[in-house]
Amino acid sequence: MEWTPTWGFGLRFPEVEIRYQGRVANGTGRPGVVPEPRGGFELAGATARVASNILVAPTGPLTLGEVKVVTHQISLSVPIR
């Protein structure tokens, strides 16, 4: 599931206009493998797989990690006369 709340405001003066917009995208989408409790990964046989053209599947439960992307946008508008 993904959700994207946004917010913003604008200020208008006779000679300039300033706008701000913020956005945050929350959700899942970073695939990976659940880390082992000891915090390491098994590297046995890694050298044998380097020369191979076969992609080996992960050796643990798969997961989708949480992702948060925050965006800020500021604009300044000045009329050209």
N, C-alpha and C. Protein backbone atom coordinates (compact mmCIF):
# COMPACT_ATOMS: atom_id res chain seq x y z
N MET A 1 0.84 -1.17 0.00
CA MET A 1 0.00 0.00 0.00
C MET A 1 0.89 1.24 0.00
N GLU A 2 0.48 2.25 -0.71
CA GLU A 2 1.25 3.49 -0.80
C GLU A 2 0.31 4.68 -0.63
N TRP A 3 0.75 5.70 0.09
CA TRP A 3 -0.02 6.91 0.23
C TRP A 3 0.91 8.11 0.16
N THR A 4 0.38 9.23 -0.38
CA THR A 4 1.20 10.41 -0.63
C THR A 4 0.46 11.67 -0.17
N PRO A 5 0.63 12.05 1.11
CA PRO A 5 0.04 13.32 1.54
C PRO A 5 0.86 14.51 1.00
N THR A 6 0.17 15.60 0.70
CA THR A 6 0.83 16.81 0.20
C THR A 6 0.35 18.01 1.00
N TRP A 7 1.14 19.08 0.98
CA TRP A 7 0.79 20.32 1.64
C TRP A 7 1.48 21.46 0.92
N GLY A 8 1.02 22.67 1.15
CA GLY A 8 1.66 23.80 0.50
C GLY A 8 0.96 25.11 0.82
N PHE A 9 1.58 26.19 0.40
CA PHE A 9 1.00 27.51 0.56
C PHE A 9 1.63 28.45 -0.46
N GLY A 10 0.98 29.58 -0.66
CA GLY A 10 1.49 30.59 -1.57
C GLY A 10 1.29 31.98 -1.00
N LEU A 11 2.23 32.86 -1.28
CA LEU A 11 2.14 34.26 -0.86
C LEU A 11 2.24 35.12 -2.11
N ARG A 12 1.29 36.03 -2.28
CA ARG A 12 1.29 36.89 -3.46
C ARG A 12 1.43 38.35 -3.03
N PHE A 13 2.42 38.98 -3.59
CA PHE A 13 2.67 40.40 -3.37
C PHE A 13 2.60 41.10 -4.72
N PRO A 14 2.53 42.43 -4.76
CA PRO A 14 2.44 43.13 -6.06
C PRO A 14 3.62 42.84 -6.99
N GLU A 15 4.81 42.63 -6.45
CA GLU A 15 6.00 42.46 -7.29
C GLU A 15 6.54 41.03 -7.35
N VAL A 16 6.04 40.14 -6.51
CA VAL A 16 6.60 38.78 -6.46
C VAL A 16 5.56 37.80 -5.90
N GLU A 17 5.67 36.55 -6.32
CA GLU A 17 4.82 35.48 -5.79
C GLU A 17 5.73 34.34 -5.33
N ILE A 18 5.51 33.87 -4.11
CA ILE A 18 6.31 32.79 -3.54
C ILE A 18 5.39 31.62 -3.26
N ARG A 19 5.79 30.42 -3.70
CA ARG A 19 5.00 29.21 -3.46
C ARG A 19 5.88 28.13 -2.85
N TYR A 20 5.26 27.33 -1.98
CA TYR A 20 5.94 26.19 -1.37
C TYR A 20 5.02 24.99 -1.48
N GLN A 21 5.58 23.83 -1.82
CA GLN A 21 4.82 22.60 -1.85
C GLN A 21 5.67 21.49 -1.26
N GLY A 22 5.08 20.70 -0.37
CA GLY A 22 5.75 19.55 0.22
C GLY A 22 4.97 18.29 -0.09
N ARG A 23 5.69 17.19 -0.17
CA ARG A 23 5.07 15.91 -0.50
C ARG A 23 5.88 14.81 0.17
N VAL A 24 5.20 13.81 0.69
CA VAL A 24 5.89 12.65 1.24
C VAL A 24 5.20 11.40 0.70
N ALA A 25 5.97 10.51 0.10
CA ALA A 25 5.44 9.25 -0.42
C ALA A 25 5.84 8.15 0.56
N ASN A 26 4.84 7.50 1.14
CA ASN A 26 5.06 6.41 2.09
C ASN A 26 4.58 5.11 1.48
N GLY A 27 5.25 4.03 1.79
CA GLY A 27 4.77 2.74 1.32
C GLY A 27 5.85 1.69 1.36
N THR A 28 5.56 0.59 0.71
CA THR A 28 6.52 -0.50 0.62
C THR A 28 7.03 -0.57 -0.80
N GLY A 29 8.19 -1.09 -0.97
CA GLY A 29 8.69 -1.18 -2.33
C GLY A 29 10.16 -1.47 -2.45
N ARG A 30 10.88 -1.61 -1.36
CA ARG A 30 12.30 -1.91 -1.43
C ARG A 30 12.47 -3.40 -1.11
N PRO A 31 12.54 -4.24 -2.14
CA PRO A 31 12.63 -5.68 -1.89
C PRO A 31 13.96 -6.06 -1.27
N GLY A 32 13.93 -7.12 -0.47
CA GLY A 32 15.16 -7.60 0.16
C GLY A 32 14.92 -8.92 0.86
N VAL A 33 15.91 -9.32 1.62
CA VAL A 33 15.87 -10.56 2.38
C VAL A 33 15.94 -10.19 3.85
N VAL A 34 15.15 -10.87 4.69
CA VAL A 34 15.19 -10.62 6.13
C VAL A 34 16.58 -10.98 6.63
N PRO A 35 17.28 -10.05 7.32
CA PRO A 35 18.63 -10.36 7.79
C PRO A 35 18.62 -11.47 8.84
N GLU A 36 19.71 -12.22 8.88
CA GLU A 36 19.84 -13.28 9.87
C GLU A 36 20.05 -12.65 11.24
N PRO A 37 19.63 -13.35 12.32
CA PRO A 37 19.75 -12.77 13.66
C PRO A 37 21.18 -12.37 14.04
N ARG A 38 22.18 -13.06 13.52
CA ARG A 38 23.55 -12.73 13.88
C ARG A 38 24.06 -11.53 13.08
N GLY A 39 23.25 -11.01 12.14
CA GLY A 39 23.60 -9.80 11.42
C GLY A 39 24.50 -10.01 10.23
N GLY A 40 24.78 -11.22 9.85
CA GLY A 40 25.68 -11.46 8.73
C GLY A 40 24.99 -12.20 7.60
N PHE A 41 25.71 -12.36 6.51
CA PHE A 41 25.20 -13.11 5.37
C PHE A 41 26.17 -14.24 5.09
N GLU A 42 25.64 -15.34 4.65
CA GLU A 42 26.47 -16.50 4.36
C GLU A 42 27.15 -16.31 3.01
N LEU A 43 28.48 -16.41 3.00
CA LEU A 43 29.24 -16.22 1.77
C LEU A 43 29.82 -17.53 1.24
N ALA A 44 29.46 -18.65 1.82
CA ALA A 44 29.99 -19.94 1.37
C ALA A 44 29.57 -20.19 -0.06
N GLY A 45 30.51 -20.53 -0.88
CA GLY A 45 30.23 -20.82 -2.28
C GLY A 45 30.11 -19.59 -3.14
N ALA A 46 30.37 -18.42 -2.61
CA ALA A 46 30.24 -17.18 -3.38
C ALA A 46 31.25 -17.14 -4.51
N THR A 47 32.45 -17.64 -4.29
CA THR A 47 33.47 -17.61 -5.35
C THR A 47 33.09 -18.54 -6.49
N ALA A 48 32.39 -19.62 -6.19
CA ALA A 48 31.97 -20.54 -7.24
C ALA A 48 30.88 -19.91 -8.10
N ARG A 49 30.07 -19.03 -7.51
CA ARG A 49 28.98 -18.41 -8.26
C ARG A 49 29.44 -17.21 -9.08
N VAL A 50 30.61 -16.68 -8.82
CA VAL A 50 31.06 -15.49 -9.54
C VAL A 50 31.21 -15.76 -11.02
N ALA A 51 31.74 -16.92 -11.39
CA ALA A 51 31.98 -17.24 -12.79
C ALA A 51 30.74 -17.80 -13.48
N SER A 52 29.66 -17.96 -12.77
CA SER A 52 28.46 -18.56 -13.32
C SER A 52 27.56 -17.49 -13.95
N ASN A 53 26.75 -17.90 -14.91
CA ASN A 53 25.77 -17.02 -15.53
C ASN A 53 24.38 -17.24 -14.95
N ILE A 54 24.29 -17.97 -13.86
CA ILE A 54 23.01 -18.29 -13.24
C ILE A 54 22.81 -17.41 -12.02
N LEU A 55 21.66 -16.77 -11.93
CA LEU A 55 21.33 -15.95 -10.78
C LEU A 55 20.71 -16.84 -9.72
N VAL A 56 21.32 -16.87 -8.55
CA VAL A 56 20.86 -17.72 -7.46
C VAL A 56 19.82 -16.98 -6.64
N ALA A 57 18.75 -17.67 -6.28
CA ALA A 57 17.69 -17.07 -5.48
C ALA A 57 18.18 -16.79 -4.06
N PRO A 58 17.58 -15.82 -3.38
CA PRO A 58 17.97 -15.53 -1.99
C PRO A 58 17.74 -16.73 -1.09
N THR A 59 18.52 -16.82 -0.02
CA THR A 59 18.43 -17.96 0.89
C THR A 59 17.73 -17.59 2.19
N GLY A 60 16.75 -16.74 2.15
CA GLY A 60 16.02 -16.35 3.35
C GLY A 60 14.65 -15.86 2.97
N PRO A 61 13.82 -15.57 3.98
CA PRO A 61 12.49 -15.05 3.69
C PRO A 61 12.57 -13.68 3.03
N LEU A 62 11.74 -13.46 2.03
CA LEU A 62 11.72 -12.19 1.31
C LEU A 62 10.88 -11.16 2.06
N THR A 63 11.21 -9.90 1.86
CA THR A 63 10.49 -8.82 2.53
C THR A 63 10.42 -7.60 1.62
N LEU A 64 9.47 -6.74 1.87
CA LEU A 64 9.40 -5.43 1.22
C LEU A 64 9.60 -4.39 2.32
N GLY A 65 10.73 -3.70 2.30
CA GLY A 65 11.04 -2.71 3.32
C GLY A 65 10.26 -1.43 3.11
N GLU A 66 10.02 -0.72 4.22
CA GLU A 66 9.31 0.56 4.13
C GLU A 66 10.14 1.60 3.43
N VAL A 67 9.47 2.44 2.66
CA VAL A 67 10.14 3.51 1.92
C VAL A 67 9.43 4.83 2.24
N LYS A 68 10.21 5.88 2.44
CA LYS A 68 9.65 7.22 2.65
C LYS A 68 10.49 8.18 1.82
N VAL A 69 9.84 8.91 0.91
CA VAL A 69 10.51 9.91 0.08
C VAL A 69 9.85 11.26 0.35
N VAL A 70 10.65 12.22 0.81
CA VAL A 70 10.15 13.56 1.12
C VAL A 70 10.65 14.52 0.05
N THR A 71 9.74 15.34 -0.50
CA THR A 71 10.08 16.30 -1.54
C THR A 71 9.61 17.69 -1.12
N HIS A 72 10.48 18.68 -1.28
CA HIS A 72 10.13 20.07 -1.02
C HIS A 72 10.36 20.85 -2.31
N GLN A 73 9.43 21.75 -2.64
CA GLN A 73 9.58 22.58 -3.83
C GLN A 73 9.24 24.02 -3.47
N ILE A 74 10.16 24.92 -3.81
CA ILE A 74 9.95 26.35 -3.58
C ILE A 74 10.06 27.05 -4.92
N SER A 75 9.10 27.93 -5.22
CA SER A 75 9.17 28.69 -6.47
C SER A 75 9.00 30.17 -6.18
N LEU A 76 9.68 30.96 -6.97
CA LEU A 76 9.64 32.41 -6.88
C LEU A 76 9.29 32.94 -8.26
N SER A 77 8.18 33.67 -8.36
CA SER A 77 7.73 34.21 -9.65
C SER A 77 7.83 35.73 -9.62
N VAL A 78 8.52 36.26 -10.62
CA VAL A 78 8.68 37.70 -10.76
C VAL A 78 8.14 38.09 -12.14
N PRO A 79 7.18 39.03 -12.21
CA PRO A 79 6.64 39.41 -13.52
C PRO A 79 7.69 40.14 -14.37
N ILE A 80 7.69 39.86 -15.66
CA ILE A 80 8.59 40.53 -16.61
C ILE A 80 7.78 41.63 -17.28
N ARG A 81 8.28 42.82 -17.22
CA ARG A 81 7.53 43.96 -17.80
C ARG A 81 8.26 44.53 -18.98
